[in-house]
Amino acid sequence: MYKKYLIIFFYLFITSCNTVTGTIEGTALGVVKDVKTTYHYSTCVFTKTTCGDLDLD
């Protein structure tokens, strides 16, 4: 009986770790894109770069 609960607990623990890692990775990538966008729009006025011509990859 405890073996069944142990397997379920282990499965939930593994899947929750994956979700947390994915959330942290997604947040970090979002912050990088926000910084690039802010930098682009704050400097495009003073350079020959066309505003709105973003390459976030």
N, C-alpha and C. Protein backbone atom coordinates (compact mmCIF):
# COMPACT_ATOMS: atom_id res chain seq x y z
N MET A 1 0.81 -1.18 0.00
CA MET A 1 0.00 0.00 0.00
C MET A 1 0.87 1.26 0.00
N TYR A 2 1.90 1.27 0.81
CA TYR A 2 2.79 2.43 0.85
C TYR A 2 3.57 2.58 -0.45
N LYS A 3 3.79 1.46 -1.12
CA LYS A 3 4.54 1.50 -2.36
C LYS A 3 3.78 2.29 -3.42
N LYS A 4 2.46 2.15 -3.47
CA LYS A 4 1.65 2.88 -4.44
C LYS A 4 1.73 4.38 -4.15
N TYR A 5 1.63 4.76 -2.89
CA TYR A 5 1.71 6.17 -2.52
C TYR A 5 3.10 6.74 -2.79
N LEU A 6 4.11 5.93 -2.58
CA LEU A 6 5.48 6.37 -2.83
C LEU A 6 5.69 6.64 -4.32
N ILE A 7 5.15 5.79 -5.16
CA ILE A 7 5.28 5.98 -6.61
C ILE A 7 4.55 7.25 -7.04
N ILE A 8 3.36 7.47 -6.53
CA ILE A 8 2.59 8.68 -6.87
C ILE A 8 3.32 9.93 -6.38
N PHE A 9 3.84 9.91 -5.15
CA PHE A 9 4.58 11.04 -4.62
C PHE A 9 5.82 11.33 -5.46
N PHE A 10 6.54 10.29 -5.84
CA PHE A 10 7.75 10.46 -6.65
C PHE A 10 7.40 11.06 -8.01
N TYR A 11 6.33 10.60 -8.62
CA TYR A 11 5.90 11.14 -9.91
C TYR A 11 5.55 12.62 -9.79
N LEU A 12 4.79 12.98 -8.77
CA LEU A 12 4.42 14.39 -8.58
C LEU A 12 5.64 15.26 -8.30
N PHE A 13 6.60 14.74 -7.56
CA PHE A 13 7.82 15.49 -7.26
C PHE A 13 8.62 15.75 -8.53
N ILE A 14 8.75 14.74 -9.37
CA ILE A 14 9.52 14.89 -10.62
C ILE A 14 8.83 15.88 -11.56
N THR A 15 7.52 15.78 -11.72
CA THR A 15 6.82 16.68 -12.63
C THR A 15 6.81 18.11 -12.11
N SER A 16 6.75 18.31 -10.80
CA SER A 16 6.76 19.67 -10.28
C SER A 16 8.13 20.30 -10.44
N CYS A 17 9.19 19.53 -10.34
CA CYS A 17 10.53 20.08 -10.57
C CYS A 17 10.67 20.54 -12.00
N ASN A 18 10.14 19.79 -12.93
CA ASN A 18 10.20 20.17 -14.33
C ASN A 18 9.44 21.46 -14.57
N THR A 19 8.30 21.63 -13.94
CA THR A 19 7.51 22.84 -14.10
C THR A 19 8.24 24.05 -13.53
N VAL A 20 8.85 23.90 -12.39
CA VAL A 20 9.58 25.01 -11.77
C VAL A 20 10.76 25.41 -12.65
N THR A 21 11.48 24.44 -13.16
CA THR A 21 12.62 24.74 -14.03
C THR A 21 12.16 25.46 -15.29
N GLY A 22 11.07 24.99 -15.87
CA GLY A 22 10.54 25.64 -17.07
C GLY A 22 10.08 27.06 -16.81
N THR A 23 9.48 27.28 -15.64
CA THR A 23 9.02 28.63 -15.28
C THR A 23 10.20 29.57 -15.11
N ILE A 24 11.23 29.12 -14.43
CA ILE A 24 12.41 29.96 -14.23
C ILE A 24 13.08 30.27 -15.56
N GLU A 25 13.19 29.26 -16.42
CA GLU A 25 13.82 29.47 -17.72
C GLU A 25 12.99 30.44 -18.57
N GLY A 26 11.67 30.28 -18.56
CA GLY A 26 10.80 31.18 -19.31
C GLY A 26 10.87 32.61 -18.80
N THR A 27 10.95 32.77 -17.50
CA THR A 27 11.06 34.11 -16.92
C THR A 27 12.39 34.76 -17.30
N ALA A 28 13.45 33.99 -17.26
CA ALA A 28 14.77 34.54 -17.62
C ALA A 28 14.80 34.96 -19.08
N LEU A 29 14.23 34.16 -19.96
CA LEU A 29 14.20 34.51 -21.37
C LEU A 29 13.33 35.74 -21.61
N GLY A 30 12.23 35.85 -20.86
CA GLY A 30 11.36 37.02 -20.97
C GLY A 30 12.07 38.29 -20.53
N VAL A 31 12.86 38.20 -19.47
CA VAL A 31 13.60 39.37 -18.99
C VAL A 31 14.64 39.79 -20.02
N VAL A 32 15.31 38.83 -20.64
CA VAL A 32 16.31 39.16 -21.67
C VAL A 32 15.64 39.87 -22.84
N LYS A 33 14.49 39.38 -23.28
CA LYS A 33 13.78 40.02 -24.39
C LYS A 33 13.32 41.43 -24.01
N ASP A 34 12.87 41.60 -22.77
CA ASP A 34 12.45 42.94 -22.32
C ASP A 34 13.63 43.90 -22.31
N VAL A 35 14.79 43.45 -21.87
CA VAL A 35 15.97 44.31 -21.85
C VAL A 35 16.38 44.68 -23.27
N LYS A 36 16.36 43.72 -24.18
CA LYS A 36 16.70 44.01 -25.58
C LYS A 36 15.72 44.99 -26.20
N THR A 37 14.43 44.81 -25.92
CA THR A 37 13.42 45.72 -26.46
C THR A 37 13.59 47.13 -25.91
N THR A 38 13.81 47.24 -24.60
CA THR A 38 14.00 48.55 -23.99
C THR A 38 15.24 49.24 -24.54
N TYR A 39 16.32 48.50 -24.69
CA TYR A 39 17.55 49.07 -25.25
C TYR A 39 17.31 49.53 -26.68
N HIS A 40 16.62 48.72 -27.46
CA HIS A 40 16.38 49.07 -28.86
C HIS A 40 15.59 50.37 -28.97
N TYR A 41 14.48 50.47 -28.23
CA TYR A 41 13.63 51.66 -28.34
C TYR A 41 14.25 52.89 -27.69
N SER A 42 15.18 52.71 -26.77
CA SER A 42 15.82 53.88 -26.18
C SER A 42 16.99 54.37 -27.02
N THR A 43 17.51 53.56 -27.93
CA THR A 43 18.63 53.99 -28.77
C THR A 43 18.27 54.19 -30.23
N CYS A 44 17.12 53.69 -30.69
CA CYS A 44 16.81 53.79 -32.12
C CYS A 44 16.59 55.24 -32.56
N VAL A 45 16.19 56.10 -31.66
CA VAL A 45 15.97 57.51 -31.99
C VAL A 45 17.29 58.19 -32.33
N PHE A 46 18.38 57.78 -31.68
CA PHE A 46 19.66 58.44 -31.83
C PHE A 46 20.58 57.75 -32.85
N THR A 47 20.16 56.65 -33.42
CA THR A 47 20.97 55.93 -34.40
C THR A 47 20.22 55.82 -35.71
N LYS A 48 20.84 55.22 -36.70
CA LYS A 48 20.21 55.05 -38.02
C LYS A 48 19.32 53.81 -38.07
N THR A 49 19.20 53.10 -36.97
CA THR A 49 18.36 51.91 -36.91
C THR A 49 16.89 52.32 -36.96
N THR A 50 16.09 51.59 -37.73
CA THR A 50 14.67 51.88 -37.81
C THR A 50 13.99 51.38 -36.54
N CYS A 51 13.23 52.26 -35.91
CA CYS A 51 12.51 51.87 -34.70
C CYS A 51 11.44 50.85 -35.06
N GLY A 52 11.37 49.81 -34.29
CA GLY A 52 10.40 48.75 -34.53
C GLY A 52 10.99 47.59 -35.30
N ASP A 53 12.20 47.73 -35.81
CA ASP A 53 12.86 46.66 -36.55
C ASP A 53 13.65 45.82 -35.56
N LEU A 54 12.93 44.96 -34.80
CA LEU A 54 13.54 44.19 -33.72
C LEU A 54 13.94 42.81 -34.19
N ASP A 55 15.08 42.34 -33.72
CA ASP A 55 15.51 40.97 -33.90
C ASP A 55 15.84 40.41 -32.53
N LEU A 56 14.85 39.78 -31.89
CA LEU A 56 15.02 39.34 -30.52
C LEU A 56 15.65 37.96 -30.41
N ASP A 57 15.92 37.30 -31.51
CA ASP A 57 16.52 35.96 -31.44
C ASP A 57 18.01 35.99 -31.26
